[in-house]
Amino acid sequence: MSKGFNKTRKSIAKRIKVTGTGKLKAKKVQGRGHLMAHKSSKKKRQLKHQPILGKATTKTMKRMLSI
């Protein structure tokens, strides 16, 4: 009898990118959607980059992605 497999959570797969080294990047940056007028130029510049997720989040997301 086969062990089976976990299905990939498609909602997560659409929002997360796996880097070459196995780290996870969020495709969208939080706090970048709207209300940008009152934020400083420095804050807006820092929000350009996709964040790499932390250890705890990465572990959960990898399980959801079946990696």
C-alpha atoms as a PDB file:
ATOM      1  CA  MET A   1       0.000   0.000   0.000  1.00  0.00           C
ATOM      2  CA  SER A   2       1.414   3.377  -0.978  1.00  0.00           C
ATOM      3  CA  LYS A   3       1.976   6.105   1.565  1.00  0.00           C
ATOM      4  CA  GLY A   4       0.286   8.784  -0.549  1.00  0.00           C
ATOM      5  CA  PHE A   5       1.258  12.422  -0.801  1.00  0.00           C
ATOM      6  CA  ASN A   6       0.209  15.839   0.407  1.00  0.00           C
ATOM      7  CA  LYS A   7      -1.479  18.113  -2.060  1.00  0.00           C
ATOM      8  CA  THR A   8       0.047  21.540  -2.657  1.00  0.00           C
ATOM      9  CA  ARG A   9      -1.997  24.408  -1.259  1.00  0.00           C
ATOM     10  CA  LYS A  10      -2.481  26.404  -4.444  1.00  0.00           C
ATOM     11  CA  SER A  11      -3.406  29.595  -2.592  1.00  0.00           C
ATOM     12  CA  ILE A  12       0.019  29.541  -0.905  1.00  0.00           C
ATOM     13  CA  ALA A  13       1.859  28.529  -4.094  1.00  0.00           C
ATOM     14  CA  LYS A  14       0.524  31.639  -5.842  1.00  0.00           C
ATOM     15  CA  ARG A  15       1.793  33.948  -3.090  1.00  0.00           C
ATOM     16  CA  ILE A  16       5.195  32.446  -2.254  1.00  0.00           C
ATOM     17  CA  LYS A  17       8.341  32.040  -4.354  1.00  0.00           C
ATOM     18  CA  VAL A  18      11.043  29.496  -3.495  1.00  0.00           C
ATOM     19  CA  THR A  19      14.598  30.759  -4.027  1.00  0.00           C
ATOM     20  CA  GLY A  20      17.439  28.640  -5.356  1.00  0.00           C
ATOM     21  CA  THR A  21      18.748  28.019  -1.841  1.00  0.00           C
ATOM     22  CA  GLY A  22      15.331  26.906  -0.574  1.00  0.00           C
ATOM     23  CA  LYS A  23      14.348  30.111   1.219  1.00  0.00           C
ATOM     24  CA  LEU A  24      10.840  31.491   0.738  1.00  0.00           C
ATOM     25  CA  LYS A  25      10.012  34.973  -0.501  1.00  0.00           C
ATOM     26  CA  ALA A  26       6.638  36.652  -0.281  1.00  0.00           C
ATOM     27  CA  LYS A  27       5.490  37.902  -3.674  1.00  0.00           C
ATOM     28  CA  LYS A  28       3.643  40.895  -2.246  1.00  0.00           C
ATOM     29  CA  VAL A  29       5.049  43.263   0.334  1.00  0.00           C
ATOM     30  CA  GLN A  30       2.758  44.136   3.225  1.00  0.00           C
ATOM     31  CA  GLY A  31       2.043  47.837   3.645  1.00  0.00           C
ATOM     32  CA  ARG A  32       2.554  48.657  -0.025  1.00  0.00           C
ATOM     33  CA  GLY A  33      -1.041  48.508  -1.298  1.00  0.00           C
ATOM     34  CA  HIS A  34      -2.241  52.038  -0.604  1.00  0.00           C
ATOM     35  CA  LEU A  35      -1.861  55.007   1.789  1.00  0.00           C
ATOM     36  CA  MET A  36       1.675  55.682   0.555  1.00  0.00           C
ATOM     37  CA  ALA A  37       1.470  59.493   0.650  1.00  0.00           C
ATOM     38  CA  HIS A  38       2.225  59.821   4.364  1.00  0.00           C
ATOM     39  CA  LYS A  39       5.087  57.286   4.342  1.00  0.00           C
ATOM     40  CA  SER A  40       8.647  58.541   4.082  1.00  0.00           C
ATOM     41  CA  SER A  41      10.757  57.988   0.976  1.00  0.00           C
ATOM     42  CA  LYS A  42      13.027  55.717   3.010  1.00  0.00           C
ATOM     43  CA  LYS A  43      10.111  53.508   4.090  1.00  0.00           C
ATOM     44  CA  LYS A  44       8.754  53.283   0.524  1.00  0.00           C
ATOM     45  CA  ARG A  45      12.219  52.373  -0.768  1.00  0.00           C
ATOM     46  CA  GLN A  46      12.591  49.646   1.874  1.00  0.00           C
ATOM     47  CA  LEU A  47       9.182  48.226   0.937  1.00  0.00           C
ATOM     48  CA  LYS A  48      10.312  47.613  -2.668  1.00  0.00           C
ATOM     49  CA  HIS A  49      12.131  44.409  -1.793  1.00  0.00           C
ATOM     50  CA  GLN A  50      10.360  41.098  -1.342  1.00  0.00           C
ATOM     51  CA  PRO A  51      10.805  39.911   2.242  1.00  0.00           C
ATOM     52  CA  ILE A  52      12.373  36.534   3.011  1.00  0.00           C
ATOM     53  CA  LEU A  53      10.147  34.679   5.440  1.00  0.00           C
ATOM     54  CA  GLY A  54      11.325  33.696   8.925  1.00  0.00           C
ATOM     55  CA  LYS A  55      12.115  30.186  10.184  1.00  0.00           C
ATOM     56  CA  ALA A  56       8.746  29.431  11.786  1.00  0.00           C
ATOM     57  CA  THR A  57       6.756  30.697   8.811  1.00  0.00           C
ATOM     58  CA  THR A  58       9.055  28.905   6.356  1.00  0.00           C
ATOM     59  CA  LYS A  59       8.523  25.574   8.106  1.00  0.00           C
ATOM     60  CA  THR A  60       4.729  25.947   7.944  1.00  0.00           C
ATOM     61  CA  MET A  61       4.716  27.162   4.335  1.00  0.00           C
ATOM     62  CA  LYS A  62       7.025  24.359   3.143  1.00  0.00           C
ATOM     63  CA  ARG A  63       4.639  21.838   4.669  1.00  0.00           C
ATOM     64  CA  MET A  64       1.753  23.511   2.829  1.00  0.00           C
ATOM     65  CA  LEU A  65       3.743  23.525  -0.420  1.00  0.00           C
ATOM     66  CA  SER A  66       4.715  19.851   0.020  1.00  0.00           C
ATOM     67  CA  ILE A  67       8.424  20.644  -0.271  1.00  0.00           C
END
